[in-house]
Amino acid sequence: MHPLLLDFDGTLVDTRLDMTEGVNRLLAGLDLPRLSVDQVMGYVGRGARALIRRSLDDVDPEGRVERDDTILRSFLDHYREVLLDNSAPYPGIVEGLEQLQSLGVPLAVVSNKPEAPLQTIISGLQLDHLLPVVVGGDSAGIRKPDPAPLVFAARKLDVPLDSCIMVGDSDVDVQAARNAGIPGVWCCWGGIHPDRPEDPHIVAMSFEEVVGMALAP
């Protein structure tokens, strides 16, 4: 049995439409053009600050708008308004988490999304009883691909880090696993990061496969 450290966006929950709407509400307030879902998803994975900086770099290359904490807070305020409008678990996620929980597999979310919206979505989707340990991008003082959030999650689960498996949909997750010295599973069902990262330890086509990995001796 292996504890699972699970990325959130693109791994457990499809948040694409709501994240894009949050970004576009920010841009509209700045009289800047909207971005498509695919454009915004290309900037996801390294935390909210990087998402906003990269989005602004796209539509405001001259740097008219300051990339500062005020802009970040404004985005988070807009995102908070819509973060449960369309977000939903991917098929098979809830059933898989329930099976893992019933068998006693330790589970933790390890995301670069700030902890406050992360907790709100988990609670709003009634997943909090299945995901009792949540590590956001601001929880450990540094984000993935640094291994610190994975170390922090294993400590909160009270399990050895080297017994864990990291599961995520991006190169950030795979690199974080490599930096932590544990297996990294790239899941390819989310569509946020469709390109296979370099040298994932394992590729999973479904969450059912991930369940099997967690239950393996």
N, C-alpha and C. Protein backbone atom coordinates (compact mmCIF):
# COMPACT_ATOMS: atom_id res chain seq x y z
N MET A 1 0.84 -1.19 0.00
CA MET A 1 0.00 0.00 0.00
C MET A 1 0.88 1.25 0.00
N HIS A 2 0.55 2.21 -0.86
CA HIS A 2 1.36 3.41 -1.00
C HIS A 2 0.50 4.66 -0.81
N PRO A 3 0.86 5.55 0.10
CA PRO A 3 0.15 6.83 0.21
C PRO A 3 0.24 7.61 -1.10
N LEU A 4 -0.82 8.34 -1.42
CA LEU A 4 -0.86 9.11 -2.65
C LEU A 4 -0.81 10.60 -2.35
N LEU A 5 0.08 11.29 -3.04
CA LEU A 5 0.14 12.75 -3.04
C LEU A 5 -0.42 13.18 -4.38
N LEU A 6 -1.56 13.86 -4.36
CA LEU A 6 -2.34 14.10 -5.57
C LEU A 6 -2.39 15.58 -5.94
N ASP A 7 -1.97 15.89 -7.14
CA ASP A 7 -2.21 17.22 -7.68
C ASP A 7 -3.73 17.42 -7.78
N PHE A 8 -4.18 18.65 -7.98
CA PHE A 8 -5.61 18.93 -7.96
C PHE A 8 -6.15 19.29 -9.33
N ASP A 9 -5.82 20.48 -9.84
CA ASP A 9 -6.31 20.92 -11.14
C ASP A 9 -5.77 20.00 -12.24
N GLY A 10 -6.66 19.45 -13.03
CA GLY A 10 -6.24 18.59 -14.13
C GLY A 10 -5.96 17.16 -13.71
N THR A 11 -6.02 16.88 -12.42
CA THR A 11 -5.76 15.54 -11.90
C THR A 11 -7.01 14.98 -11.22
N LEU A 12 -7.52 15.72 -10.26
CA LEU A 12 -8.74 15.30 -9.56
C LEU A 12 -9.97 16.03 -10.08
N VAL A 13 -9.83 17.31 -10.36
CA VAL A 13 -10.99 18.15 -10.68
C VAL A 13 -10.71 18.96 -11.94
N ASP A 14 -11.73 19.05 -12.79
CA ASP A 14 -11.67 19.87 -14.00
C ASP A 14 -12.07 21.30 -13.63
N THR A 15 -11.10 22.18 -13.53
CA THR A 15 -11.33 23.56 -13.12
C THR A 15 -11.08 24.54 -14.27
N ARG A 16 -10.99 24.04 -15.48
CA ARG A 16 -10.55 24.87 -16.60
C ARG A 16 -11.45 26.09 -16.84
N LEU A 17 -12.76 25.88 -16.89
CA LEU A 17 -13.66 26.97 -17.24
C LEU A 17 -13.67 28.05 -16.17
N ASP A 18 -13.66 27.64 -14.90
CA ASP A 18 -13.72 28.63 -13.83
C ASP A 18 -12.42 29.40 -13.69
N MET A 19 -11.28 28.73 -13.85
CA MET A 19 -10.01 29.46 -13.82
C MET A 19 -9.94 30.47 -14.95
N THR A 20 -10.38 30.07 -16.13
CA THR A 20 -10.36 30.98 -17.28
C THR A 20 -11.27 32.17 -17.05
N GLU A 21 -12.44 31.92 -16.47
CA GLU A 21 -13.37 33.02 -16.19
C GLU A 21 -12.77 33.98 -15.17
N GLY A 22 -12.11 33.45 -14.16
CA GLY A 22 -11.47 34.32 -13.17
C GLY A 22 -10.42 35.21 -13.81
N VAL A 23 -9.60 34.63 -14.68
CA VAL A 23 -8.58 35.42 -15.38
C VAL A 23 -9.23 36.47 -16.26
N ASN A 24 -10.27 36.09 -16.99
CA ASN A 24 -10.90 37.03 -17.93
C ASN A 24 -11.67 38.13 -17.22
N ARG A 25 -12.20 37.86 -16.04
CA ARG A 25 -12.82 38.95 -15.28
C ARG A 25 -11.78 39.97 -14.83
N LEU A 26 -10.61 39.47 -14.45
CA LEU A 26 -9.51 40.38 -14.11
C LEU A 26 -9.13 41.21 -15.33
N LEU A 27 -8.94 40.56 -16.47
CA LEU A 27 -8.52 41.27 -17.67
C LEU A 27 -9.57 42.29 -18.13
N ALA A 28 -10.84 41.93 -18.01
CA ALA A 28 -11.91 42.85 -18.40
C ALA A 28 -11.87 44.11 -17.55
N GLY A 29 -11.60 43.94 -16.25
CA GLY A 29 -11.52 45.09 -15.36
C GLY A 29 -10.35 46.00 -15.67
N LEU A 30 -9.37 45.47 -16.39
CA LEU A 30 -8.19 46.25 -16.79
C LEU A 30 -8.28 46.72 -18.23
N ASP A 31 -9.45 46.51 -18.87
CA ASP A 31 -9.66 46.86 -20.29
C ASP A 31 -8.66 46.15 -21.19
N LEU A 32 -8.41 44.89 -20.89
CA LEU A 32 -7.52 44.06 -21.68
C LEU A 32 -8.32 42.94 -22.34
N PRO A 33 -7.86 42.42 -23.46
CA PRO A 33 -8.63 41.38 -24.17
C PRO A 33 -8.69 40.07 -23.41
N ARG A 34 -9.73 39.31 -23.69
CA ARG A 34 -9.92 38.01 -23.08
C ARG A 34 -8.93 37.00 -23.65
N LEU A 35 -8.73 35.93 -22.89
CA LEU A 35 -7.92 34.81 -23.33
C LEU A 35 -8.81 33.57 -23.46
N SER A 36 -8.44 32.68 -24.35
CA SER A 36 -9.19 31.43 -24.51
C SER A 36 -8.84 30.46 -23.38
N VAL A 37 -9.64 29.43 -23.25
CA VAL A 37 -9.37 28.39 -22.26
C VAL A 37 -7.99 27.78 -22.51
N ASP A 38 -7.68 27.47 -23.75
CA ASP A 38 -6.40 26.85 -24.05
C ASP A 38 -5.23 27.78 -23.71
N GLN A 39 -5.40 29.08 -23.96
CA GLN A 39 -4.34 30.02 -23.62
C GLN A 39 -4.11 30.05 -22.11
N VAL A 40 -5.17 30.17 -21.34
CA VAL A 40 -5.04 30.22 -19.89
C VAL A 40 -4.44 28.93 -19.36
N MET A 41 -4.90 27.80 -19.89
CA MET A 41 -4.38 26.52 -19.41
C MET A 41 -2.89 26.37 -19.70
N GLY A 42 -2.41 27.04 -20.72
CA GLY A 42 -0.99 27.00 -21.01
C GLY A 42 -0.16 27.71 -19.96
N TYR A 43 -0.82 28.53 -19.12
CA TYR A 43 -0.11 29.29 -18.10
C TYR A 43 -0.32 28.74 -16.70
N VAL A 44 -1.05 27.63 -16.59
CA VAL A 44 -1.38 27.03 -15.30
C VAL A 44 -0.29 26.04 -14.89
N GLY A 45 -0.10 25.90 -13.57
CA GLY A 45 0.78 24.85 -13.08
C GLY A 45 1.84 25.31 -12.12
N ARG A 46 2.12 26.62 -12.11
CA ARG A 46 3.19 27.11 -11.25
C ARG A 46 2.70 28.15 -10.24
N GLY A 47 1.40 28.06 -9.94
CA GLY A 47 0.83 28.94 -8.92
C GLY A 47 0.09 30.12 -9.53
N ALA A 48 -0.73 30.77 -8.69
CA ALA A 48 -1.58 31.86 -9.16
C ALA A 48 -0.76 33.07 -9.63
N ARG A 49 0.31 33.36 -8.93
CA ARG A 49 1.12 34.52 -9.32
C ARG A 49 1.70 34.34 -10.73
N ALA A 50 2.22 33.14 -11.00
CA ALA A 50 2.76 32.86 -12.33
C ALA A 50 1.66 32.87 -13.38
N LEU A 51 0.47 32.35 -13.03
CA LEU A 51 -0.65 32.36 -13.97
C LEU A 51 -0.99 33.79 -14.40
N ILE A 52 -1.08 34.70 -13.44
CA ILE A 52 -1.44 36.08 -13.76
C ILE A 52 -0.31 36.78 -14.50
N ARG A 53 0.92 36.56 -14.08
CA ARG A 53 2.04 37.19 -14.76
C ARG A 53 2.10 36.76 -16.23
N ARG A 54 1.94 35.46 -16.46
CA ARG A 54 2.03 34.96 -17.82
C ARG A 54 0.83 35.40 -18.67
N SER A 55 -0.35 35.46 -18.05
CA SER A 55 -1.54 35.95 -18.77
C SER A 55 -1.36 37.42 -19.16
N LEU A 56 -0.85 38.22 -18.23
CA LEU A 56 -0.64 39.63 -18.53
C LEU A 56 0.47 39.82 -19.56
N ASP A 57 1.49 39.00 -19.50
CA ASP A 57 2.54 39.09 -20.51
C ASP A 57 1.98 38.87 -21.91
N ASP A 58 0.94 38.04 -21.99
CA ASP A 58 0.31 37.74 -23.29
C ASP A 58 -0.44 38.96 -23.82
N VAL A 59 -1.28 39.57 -22.99
CA VAL A 59 -2.18 40.63 -23.47
C VAL A 59 -1.68 42.03 -23.17
N ASP A 60 -0.65 42.15 -22.37
CA ASP A 60 -0.09 43.46 -22.00
C ASP A 60 1.43 43.40 -22.07
N PRO A 61 1.97 43.09 -23.25
CA PRO A 61 3.42 42.91 -23.35
C PRO A 61 4.22 44.17 -23.05
N GLU A 62 3.58 45.34 -23.14
CA GLU A 62 4.29 46.59 -22.84
C GLU A 62 4.45 46.83 -21.34
N GLY A 63 3.75 46.02 -20.53
CA GLY A 63 3.88 46.17 -19.09
C GLY A 63 3.15 47.36 -18.52
N ARG A 64 2.02 47.72 -19.16
CA ARG A 64 1.23 48.85 -18.63
C ARG A 64 0.68 48.55 -17.24
N VAL A 65 0.33 47.29 -17.00
CA VAL A 65 -0.23 46.88 -15.71
C VAL A 65 0.89 46.29 -14.84
N GLU A 66 0.98 46.75 -13.61
CA GLU A 66 1.97 46.24 -12.68
C GLU A 66 1.65 44.79 -12.31
N ARG A 67 2.67 43.92 -12.32
CA ARG A 67 2.51 42.53 -11.89
C ARG A 67 2.82 42.46 -10.40
N ASP A 68 1.90 42.92 -9.57
CA ASP A 68 2.18 43.05 -8.14
C ASP A 68 1.13 42.32 -7.32
N ASP A 69 1.24 42.43 -5.99
CA ASP A 69 0.33 41.73 -5.10
C ASP A 69 -1.11 42.22 -5.24
N THR A 70 -1.29 43.47 -5.60
CA THR A 70 -2.64 44.01 -5.79
C THR A 70 -3.36 43.28 -6.92
N ILE A 71 -2.65 43.05 -8.02
CA ILE A 71 -3.22 42.33 -9.16
C ILE A 71 -3.53 40.89 -8.77
N LEU A 72 -2.63 40.27 -8.03
CA LEU A 72 -2.86 38.90 -7.58
C LEU A 72 -4.11 38.82 -6.71
N ARG A 73 -4.25 39.74 -5.76
CA ARG A 73 -5.43 39.73 -4.89
C ARG A 73 -6.69 39.98 -5.69
N SER A 74 -6.61 40.84 -6.70
CA SER A 74 -7.78 41.11 -7.53
C SER A 74 -8.20 39.85 -8.28
N PHE A 75 -7.22 39.13 -8.84
CA PHE A 75 -7.56 37.86 -9.51
C PHE A 75 -8.21 36.89 -8.54
N LEU A 76 -7.64 36.73 -7.36
CA LEU A 76 -8.20 35.77 -6.39
C LEU A 76 -9.61 36.17 -5.99
N ASP A 77 -9.87 37.48 -5.91
CA ASP A 77 -11.24 37.93 -5.61
C ASP A 77 -12.19 37.55 -6.74
N HIS A 78 -11.78 37.77 -7.98
CA HIS A 78 -12.63 37.40 -9.12
C HIS A 78 -12.82 35.88 -9.18
N TYR A 79 -11.75 35.15 -8.98
CA TYR A 79 -11.83 33.69 -9.05
C TYR A 79 -12.74 33.14 -7.97
N ARG A 80 -12.68 33.75 -6.79
CA ARG A 80 -13.53 33.30 -5.68
C ARG A 80 -15.02 33.37 -6.05
N GLU A 81 -15.38 34.30 -6.90
CA GLU A 81 -16.78 34.47 -7.30
C GLU A 81 -17.28 33.34 -8.18
N VAL A 82 -16.37 32.64 -8.87
CA VAL A 82 -16.79 31.68 -9.90
C VAL A 82 -16.23 30.28 -9.72
N LEU A 83 -15.45 30.06 -8.66
CA LEU A 83 -14.67 28.82 -8.63
C LEU A 83 -15.47 27.54 -8.48
N LEU A 84 -16.76 27.66 -8.21
CA LEU A 84 -17.61 26.47 -8.14
C LEU A 84 -18.70 26.48 -9.22
N ASP A 85 -18.59 27.39 -10.18
CA ASP A 85 -19.62 27.47 -11.21
C ASP A 85 -19.63 26.24 -12.12
N ASN A 86 -18.47 25.77 -12.53
CA ASN A 86 -18.39 24.67 -13.48
C ASN A 86 -17.45 23.54 -13.05
N SER A 87 -16.64 23.76 -12.03
CA SER A 87 -15.64 22.77 -11.64
C SER A 87 -16.29 21.49 -11.12
N ALA A 88 -15.74 20.35 -11.52
CA ALA A 88 -16.30 19.06 -11.13
C ALA A 88 -15.20 18.00 -11.18
N PRO A 89 -15.31 16.96 -10.35
CA PRO A 89 -14.33 15.87 -10.41
C PRO A 89 -14.39 15.17 -11.76
N TYR A 90 -13.24 14.70 -12.21
CA TYR A 90 -13.20 13.89 -13.43
C TYR A 90 -13.89 12.55 -13.19
N PRO A 91 -14.37 11.91 -14.24
CA PRO A 91 -15.02 10.60 -14.08
C PRO A 91 -14.13 9.61 -13.35
N GLY A 92 -14.73 8.91 -12.40
CA GLY A 92 -14.03 7.86 -11.67
C GLY A 92 -13.24 8.34 -10.47
N ILE A 93 -13.10 9.67 -10.30
CA ILE A 93 -12.29 10.18 -9.19
C ILE A 93 -12.95 9.91 -7.84
N VAL A 94 -14.22 10.26 -7.70
CA VAL A 94 -14.89 10.10 -6.41
C VAL A 94 -14.94 8.63 -6.03
N GLU A 95 -15.30 7.77 -6.96
CA GLU A 95 -15.37 6.34 -6.66
C GLU A 95 -13.99 5.79 -6.27
N GLY A 96 -12.95 6.25 -6.97
CA GLY A 96 -11.60 5.81 -6.64
C GLY A 96 -11.15 6.28 -5.28
N LEU A 97 -11.42 7.53 -4.96
CA LEU A 97 -11.05 8.06 -3.64
C LEU A 97 -11.80 7.33 -2.53
N GLU A 98 -13.08 7.04 -2.78
CA GLU A 98 -13.86 6.31 -1.76
C GLU A 98 -13.28 4.92 -1.54
N GLN A 99 -12.88 4.25 -2.60
CA GLN A 99 -12.29 2.93 -2.46
C GLN A 99 -10.98 3.00 -1.68
N LEU A 100 -10.14 3.97 -2.03
CA LEU A 100 -8.86 4.12 -1.35
C LEU A 100 -9.06 4.44 0.13
N GLN A 101 -10.00 5.33 0.41
CA GLN A 101 -10.26 5.68 1.81
C GLN A 101 -10.75 4.46 2.59
N SER A 102 -11.64 3.67 1.98
CA SER A 102 -12.20 2.51 2.70
C SER A 102 -11.13 1.48 3.01
N LEU A 103 -10.05 1.47 2.22
CA LEU A 103 -8.96 0.51 2.42
C LEU A 103 -7.81 1.10 3.24
N GLY A 104 -7.99 2.35 3.67
CA GLY A 104 -7.01 2.95 4.57
C GLY A 104 -5.79 3.54 3.90
N VAL A 105 -5.86 3.84 2.61
CA VAL A 105 -4.72 4.45 1.93
C VAL A 105 -4.65 5.93 2.29
N PRO A 106 -3.53 6.40 2.83
CA PRO A 106 -3.40 7.83 3.14
C PRO A 106 -3.41 8.68 1.87
N LEU A 107 -4.18 9.77 1.90
CA LEU A 107 -4.36 10.61 0.72
C LEU A 107 -4.12 12.07 1.08
N ALA A 108 -3.39 12.77 0.22
CA ALA A 108 -3.17 14.20 0.41
C ALA A 108 -3.20 14.90 -0.93
N VAL A 109 -3.78 16.09 -0.96
CA VAL A 109 -3.68 16.96 -2.12
C VAL A 109 -2.43 17.80 -1.98
N VAL A 110 -1.64 17.86 -3.06
CA VAL A 110 -0.46 18.72 -3.08
C VAL A 110 -0.53 19.55 -4.37
N SER A 111 -0.96 20.79 -4.23
CA SER A 111 -1.24 21.65 -5.39
C SER A 111 -0.45 22.94 -5.29
N ASN A 112 -0.24 23.59 -6.43
CA ASN A 112 0.34 24.93 -6.43
C ASN A 112 -0.74 26.01 -6.35
N LYS A 113 -2.01 25.63 -6.37
CA LYS A 113 -3.11 26.58 -6.17
C LYS A 113 -3.07 27.07 -4.72
N PRO A 114 -3.32 28.35 -4.46
CA PRO A 114 -3.35 28.81 -3.07
C PRO A 114 -4.34 27.99 -2.23
N GLU A 115 -4.02 27.83 -0.96
CA GLU A 115 -4.80 26.92 -0.13
C GLU A 115 -6.25 27.36 0.06
N ALA A 116 -6.51 28.66 0.15
CA ALA A 116 -7.89 29.12 0.42
C ALA A 116 -8.86 28.71 -0.68
N PRO A 117 -8.62 29.04 -1.96
CA PRO A 117 -9.56 28.57 -2.99
C PRO A 117 -9.56 27.06 -3.13
N LEU A 118 -8.42 26.45 -2.88
CA LEU A 118 -8.34 24.99 -2.95
C LEU A 118 -9.29 24.36 -1.94
N GLN A 119 -9.23 24.82 -0.70
CA GLN A 119 -10.10 24.29 0.34
C GLN A 119 -11.56 24.57 0.03
N THR A 120 -11.84 25.74 -0.53
CA THR A 120 -13.23 26.09 -0.86
C THR A 120 -13.80 25.14 -1.91
N ILE A 121 -13.02 24.84 -2.94
CA ILE A 121 -13.50 23.93 -3.98
C ILE A 121 -13.68 22.53 -3.42
N ILE A 122 -12.72 22.06 -2.66
CA ILE A 122 -12.81 20.72 -2.08
C ILE A 122 -14.05 20.59 -1.21
N SER A 123 -14.30 21.60 -0.39
CA SER A 123 -15.48 21.58 0.47
C SER A 123 -16.76 21.70 -0.35
N GLY A 124 -16.76 22.61 -1.33
CA GLY A 124 -17.95 22.83 -2.15
C GLY A 124 -18.34 21.61 -2.96
N LEU A 125 -17.35 20.82 -3.35
CA LEU A 125 -17.62 19.60 -4.11
C LEU A 125 -17.81 18.39 -3.19
N GLN A 126 -17.82 18.65 -1.89
CA GLN A 126 -18.03 17.62 -0.86
C GLN A 126 -16.98 16.50 -0.97
N LEU A 127 -15.73 16.93 -1.15
CA LEU A 127 -14.61 16.00 -1.20
C LEU A 127 -13.76 16.06 0.05
N ASP A 128 -14.12 16.96 0.99
CA ASP A 128 -13.26 17.18 2.15
C ASP A 128 -13.14 15.95 3.04
N HIS A 129 -14.18 15.11 3.07
CA HIS A 129 -14.09 13.90 3.89
C HIS A 129 -13.19 12.86 3.25
N LEU A 130 -12.93 13.00 1.95
CA LEU A 130 -12.06 12.06 1.25
C LEU A 130 -10.62 12.57 1.17
N LEU A 131 -10.45 13.87 1.33
CA LEU A 131 -9.13 14.49 1.18
C LEU A 131 -8.84 15.34 2.41
N PRO A 132 -8.53 14.69 3.53
CA PRO A 132 -8.36 15.42 4.79
C PRO A 132 -7.09 16.24 4.88
N VAL A 133 -6.09 15.92 4.08
CA VAL A 133 -4.82 16.66 4.10
C VAL A 133 -4.69 17.43 2.80
N VAL A 134 -4.58 18.75 2.91
CA VAL A 134 -4.52 19.62 1.74
C VAL A 134 -3.32 20.56 1.88
N VAL A 135 -2.42 20.49 0.92
CA VAL A 135 -1.25 21.36 0.88
C VAL A 135 -1.37 22.23 -0.37
N GLY A 136 -1.51 23.53 -0.16
CA GLY A 136 -1.61 24.47 -1.27
C GLY A 136 -0.26 25.08 -1.61
N GLY A 137 -0.27 25.94 -2.62
CA GLY A 137 0.97 26.55 -3.05
C GLY A 137 1.59 27.48 -2.05
N ASP A 138 0.78 27.93 -1.07
CA ASP A 138 1.29 28.82 -0.04
C ASP A 138 1.38 28.13 1.32
N SER A 139 1.26 26.82 1.36
CA SER A 139 1.23 26.09 2.63
C SER A 139 2.62 25.79 3.18
N ALA A 140 3.55 25.48 2.28
CA ALA A 140 4.87 25.03 2.71
C ALA A 140 5.95 26.08 2.52
N GLY A 141 5.55 27.28 2.07
CA GLY A 141 6.50 28.35 1.88
C GLY A 141 7.18 28.34 0.52
N ILE A 142 6.98 27.29 -0.26
CA ILE A 142 7.56 27.16 -1.59
C ILE A 142 6.71 26.16 -2.37
N ARG A 143 6.68 26.31 -3.68
CA ARG A 143 5.78 25.49 -4.51
C ARG A 143 6.55 24.39 -5.22
N LYS A 144 5.81 23.40 -5.73
CA LYS A 144 6.38 22.42 -6.65
C LYS A 144 6.94 23.17 -7.86
N PRO A 145 8.04 22.74 -8.43
CA PRO A 145 8.68 21.42 -8.33
C PRO A 145 9.64 21.23 -7.16
N ASP A 146 9.77 22.24 -6.29
CA ASP A 146 10.55 22.00 -5.07
C ASP A 146 9.91 20.84 -4.32
N PRO A 147 10.69 19.96 -3.71
CA PRO A 147 10.11 18.82 -3.00
C PRO A 147 9.47 19.18 -1.66
N ALA A 148 9.67 20.41 -1.18
CA ALA A 148 9.19 20.77 0.16
C ALA A 148 7.69 20.52 0.37
N PRO A 149 6.80 20.85 -0.60
CA PRO A 149 5.38 20.56 -0.37
C PRO A 149 5.08 19.07 -0.22
N LEU A 150 5.84 18.23 -0.92
CA LEU A 150 5.65 16.79 -0.81
C LEU A 150 6.13 16.30 0.56
N VAL A 151 7.24 16.83 1.00
CA VAL A 151 7.75 16.49 2.34
C VAL A 151 6.74 16.92 3.40
N PHE A 152 6.20 18.12 3.23
CA PHE A 152 5.22 18.66 4.17
C PHE A 152 3.97 17.78 4.22
N ALA A 153 3.49 17.34 3.05
CA ALA A 153 2.29 16.50 2.99
C ALA A 153 2.54 15.15 3.65
N ALA A 154 3.68 14.54 3.38
CA ALA A 154 3.99 13.24 4.00
C ALA A 154 4.05 13.38 5.52
N ARG A 155 4.59 14.49 5.98
CA ARG A 155 4.66 14.72 7.42
C ARG A 155 3.26 14.85 8.02
N LYS A 156 2.37 15.57 7.31
CA LYS A 156 1.00 15.72 7.80
C LYS A 156 0.25 14.38 7.78
N LEU A 157 0.57 13.54 6.83
CA LEU A 157 -0.04 12.20 6.78
C LEU A 157 0.58 11.25 7.79
N ASP A 158 1.75 11.63 8.32
CA ASP A 158 2.51 10.80 9.25
C ASP A 158 2.93 9.49 8.59
N VAL A 159 3.47 9.63 7.35
CA VAL A 159 3.96 8.47 6.61
C VAL A 159 5.36 8.79 6.09
N PRO A 160 6.20 7.79 5.85
CA PRO A 160 7.52 8.06 5.25
C PRO A 160 7.37 8.58 3.83
N LEU A 161 8.11 9.61 3.50
CA LEU A 161 8.04 10.17 2.16
C LEU A 161 8.36 9.12 1.11
N ASP A 162 9.33 8.25 1.39
CA ASP A 162 9.75 7.28 0.37
C ASP A 162 8.74 6.17 0.13
N SER A 163 7.63 6.18 0.90
CA SER A 163 6.56 5.21 0.64
C SER A 163 5.48 5.80 -0.27
N CYS A 164 5.59 7.10 -0.58
CA CYS A 164 4.53 7.81 -1.31
C CYS A 164 4.72 7.76 -2.82
N ILE A 165 3.62 8.01 -3.52
CA ILE A 165 3.60 8.20 -4.97
C ILE A 165 2.99 9.57 -5.24
N MET A 166 3.64 10.35 -6.11
CA MET A 166 3.11 11.65 -6.52
C MET A 166 2.38 11.48 -7.84
N VAL A 167 1.14 11.99 -7.92
CA VAL A 167 0.32 11.86 -9.12
C VAL A 167 -0.08 13.24 -9.61
N GLY A 168 0.22 13.55 -10.87
CA GLY A 168 -0.16 14.85 -11.40
C GLY A 168 -0.17 14.87 -12.91
N ASP A 169 -0.62 16.00 -13.46
CA ASP A 169 -0.81 16.07 -14.92
C ASP A 169 0.23 16.94 -15.61
N SER A 170 1.27 17.37 -14.90
CA SER A 170 2.21 18.28 -15.55
C SER A 170 3.65 17.92 -15.25
N ASP A 171 4.55 18.56 -15.99
CA ASP A 171 5.98 18.37 -15.74
C ASP A 171 6.37 18.85 -14.35
N VAL A 172 5.62 19.81 -13.80
CA VAL A 172 5.90 20.30 -12.45
C VAL A 172 5.76 19.17 -11.43
N ASP A 173 4.72 18.36 -11.58
CA ASP A 173 4.48 17.25 -10.66
C ASP A 173 5.54 16.17 -10.81
N VAL A 174 5.86 15.85 -12.04
CA VAL A 174 6.87 14.81 -12.29
C VAL A 174 8.23 15.25 -11.75
N GLN A 175 8.56 16.53 -11.97
CA GLN A 175 9.84 17.03 -11.48
C GLN A 175 9.87 17.09 -9.96
N ALA A 176 8.74 17.46 -9.35
CA ALA A 176 8.66 17.49 -7.88
C ALA A 176 8.89 16.10 -7.31
N ALA A 177 8.27 15.09 -7.94
CA ALA A 177 8.48 13.71 -7.49
C ALA A 177 9.95 13.32 -7.63
N ARG A 178 10.54 13.67 -8.76
CA ARG A 178 11.96 13.34 -8.97
C ARG A 178 12.83 14.03 -7.91
N ASN A 179 12.51 15.29 -7.62
CA ASN A 179 13.30 16.03 -6.63
C ASN A 179 13.13 15.46 -5.23
N ALA A 180 11.97 14.83 -4.98
CA ALA A 180 11.71 14.23 -3.68
C ALA A 180 12.20 12.79 -3.60
N GLY A 181 12.62 12.24 -4.73
CA GLY A 181 13.12 10.87 -4.74
C GLY A 181 12.05 9.81 -4.65
N ILE A 182 10.84 10.14 -5.16
CA ILE A 182 9.74 9.18 -5.13
C ILE A 182 9.18 9.01 -6.54
N PRO A 183 8.39 7.95 -6.79
CA PRO A 183 7.80 7.77 -8.12
C PRO A 183 6.84 8.90 -8.48
N GLY A 184 6.90 9.34 -9.73
CA GLY A 184 5.98 10.34 -10.24
C GLY A 184 5.10 9.74 -11.32
N VAL A 185 3.80 9.84 -11.15
CA VAL A 185 2.84 9.32 -12.13
C VAL A 185 2.25 10.49 -12.90
N TRP A 186 2.37 10.44 -14.23
CA TRP A 186 1.73 11.45 -15.06
C TRP A 186 0.38 10.93 -15.50
N CYS A 187 -0.68 11.65 -15.13
CA CYS A 187 -2.02 11.28 -15.56
C CYS A 187 -2.38 12.12 -16.77
N CYS A 188 -2.96 11.49 -17.76
CA CYS A 188 -3.16 12.17 -19.05
C CYS A 188 -4.63 12.41 -19.38
N TRP A 189 -5.51 12.39 -18.37
CA TRP A 189 -6.93 12.54 -18.68
C TRP A 189 -7.44 13.97 -18.50
N GLY A 190 -6.68 14.86 -17.87
CA GLY A 190 -7.22 16.16 -17.50
C GLY A 190 -7.28 17.18 -18.61
N GLY A 191 -6.33 17.16 -19.51
CA GLY A 191 -6.35 18.09 -20.63
C GLY A 191 -5.80 19.47 -20.33
N ILE A 192 -5.41 19.75 -19.08
CA ILE A 192 -4.80 21.04 -18.79
C ILE A 192 -3.37 21.06 -19.32
N HIS A 193 -2.64 19.98 -19.09
CA HIS A 193 -1.27 19.84 -19.61
C HIS A 193 -1.23 18.59 -20.49
N PRO A 194 -1.67 18.69 -21.74
CA PRO A 194 -1.81 17.49 -22.57
C PRO A 194 -0.50 16.87 -23.03
N ASP A 195 0.59 17.64 -22.97
CA ASP A 195 1.86 17.13 -23.46
C ASP A 195 2.56 16.32 -22.38
N ARG A 196 2.98 15.12 -22.75
CA ARG A 196 3.65 14.25 -21.80
C ARG A 196 4.96 14.88 -21.33
N PRO A 197 5.17 14.96 -20.01
CA PRO A 197 6.44 15.52 -19.52
C PRO A 197 7.59 14.57 -19.80
N GLU A 198 8.78 15.09 -19.70
CA GLU A 198 9.96 14.28 -19.96
C GLU A 198 10.17 13.27 -18.84
N ASP A 199 10.29 12.02 -19.23
CA ASP A 199 10.68 10.93 -18.33
C ASP A 199 9.81 10.78 -17.08
N PRO A 200 8.46 10.70 -17.22
CA PRO A 200 7.67 10.33 -16.04
C PRO A 200 7.99 8.90 -15.65
N HIS A 201 7.95 8.61 -14.36
CA HIS A 201 8.20 7.23 -13.94
C HIS A 201 7.14 6.30 -14.52
N ILE A 202 5.87 6.75 -14.46
CA ILE A 202 4.74 5.92 -14.86
C ILE A 202 3.72 6.82 -15.56
N VAL A 203 3.02 6.28 -16.54
CA VAL A 203 1.93 6.99 -17.20
C VAL A 203 0.63 6.28 -16.85
N ALA A 204 -0.36 7.03 -16.38
CA ALA A 204 -1.67 6.46 -16.03
C ALA A 204 -2.72 6.99 -16.98
N MET A 205 -3.47 6.08 -17.57
CA MET A 205 -4.54 6.46 -18.49
C MET A 205 -5.86 6.70 -17.78
N SER A 206 -5.99 6.22 -16.55
CA SER A 206 -7.24 6.38 -15.79
C SER A 206 -6.91 6.40 -14.30
N PHE A 207 -7.84 6.93 -13.51
CA PHE A 207 -7.63 6.95 -12.07
C PHE A 207 -7.70 5.54 -11.50
N GLU A 208 -8.40 4.65 -12.19
CA GLU A 208 -8.44 3.26 -11.77
C GLU A 208 -7.03 2.66 -11.73
N GLU A 209 -6.19 3.05 -12.69
CA GLU A 209 -4.81 2.60 -12.69
C GLU A 209 -4.06 3.14 -11.48
N VAL A 210 -4.33 4.37 -11.12
CA VAL A 210 -3.68 4.97 -9.95
C VAL A 210 -4.09 4.22 -8.68
N VAL A 211 -5.36 3.88 -8.58
CA VAL A 211 -5.84 3.11 -7.44
C VAL A 211 -5.05 1.81 -7.34
N GLY A 212 -4.87 1.13 -8.47
CA GLY A 212 -4.10 -0.11 -8.47
C GLY A 212 -2.67 0.08 -8.01
N MET A 213 -2.05 1.20 -8.39
CA MET A 213 -0.68 1.47 -7.95
C MET A 213 -0.63 1.69 -6.44
N ALA A 214 -1.62 2.37 -5.91
CA ALA A 214 -1.64 2.63 -4.46
C ALA A 214 -1.81 1.34 -3.68
N LEU A 215 -2.53 0.39 -4.23
CA LEU A 215 -2.83 -0.85 -3.50
C LEU A 215 -1.77 -1.93 -3.74
N ALA A 216 -0.82 -1.66 -4.62
CA ALA A 216 0.22 -2.66 -4.89
C ALA A 216 1.12 -2.83 -3.68
N PRO A 217 1.68 -4.03 -3.50
CA PRO A 217 2.59 -4.27 -2.36
C PRO A 217 3.81 -3.36 -2.41
